[in-house]
Amino acid sequence: MMIVMVNMKLMNILETKTLKTKNKKSWW
């Protein structure tokens, strides 16, 4: 369960990073 949560968080962070670089929308 913990591993899945960490993985989800990592994926989310990566996604937000790519989105941030593509179009400058402040997600965080």
Protein backbone atom coordinates (compact mmCIF):
# COMPACT_ATOMS: atom_id res chain seq x y z
CA MET A 1 0.00 0.00 0.00
CA MET A 2 2.75 2.43 0.92
CA ILE A 3 4.74 1.63 -2.20
CA VAL A 4 1.72 2.29 -4.40
CA MET A 5 1.12 5.65 -2.71
CA VAL A 6 4.74 6.70 -3.18
CA ASN A 7 4.64 5.59 -6.81
CA MET A 8 1.45 7.57 -7.41
CA LYS A 9 3.00 10.64 -5.84
CA LEU A 10 6.14 10.28 -7.95
CA MET A 11 4.10 9.96 -11.13
CA ASN A 12 2.06 12.99 -10.11
CA ILE A 13 5.18 15.08 -9.48
CA LEU A 14 6.64 14.07 -12.84
CA GLU A 15 3.40 14.91 -14.61
CA THR A 16 3.15 18.31 -12.94
CA LYS A 17 6.79 19.03 -13.83
CA THR A 18 6.22 18.28 -17.51
CA LEU A 19 3.03 20.34 -17.51
CA LYS A 20 4.83 23.23 -15.85
CA THR A 21 7.54 23.23 -18.50
CA LYS A 22 5.04 22.97 -21.35
CA ASN A 23 2.58 25.66 -20.27
CA LYS A 24 3.41 27.91 -17.34
CA LYS A 25 0.55 27.00 -15.03
CA SER A 26 1.34 27.03 -11.32
CA TRP A 27 0.14 23.69 -10.04
CA TRP A 28 2.20 23.74 -6.87
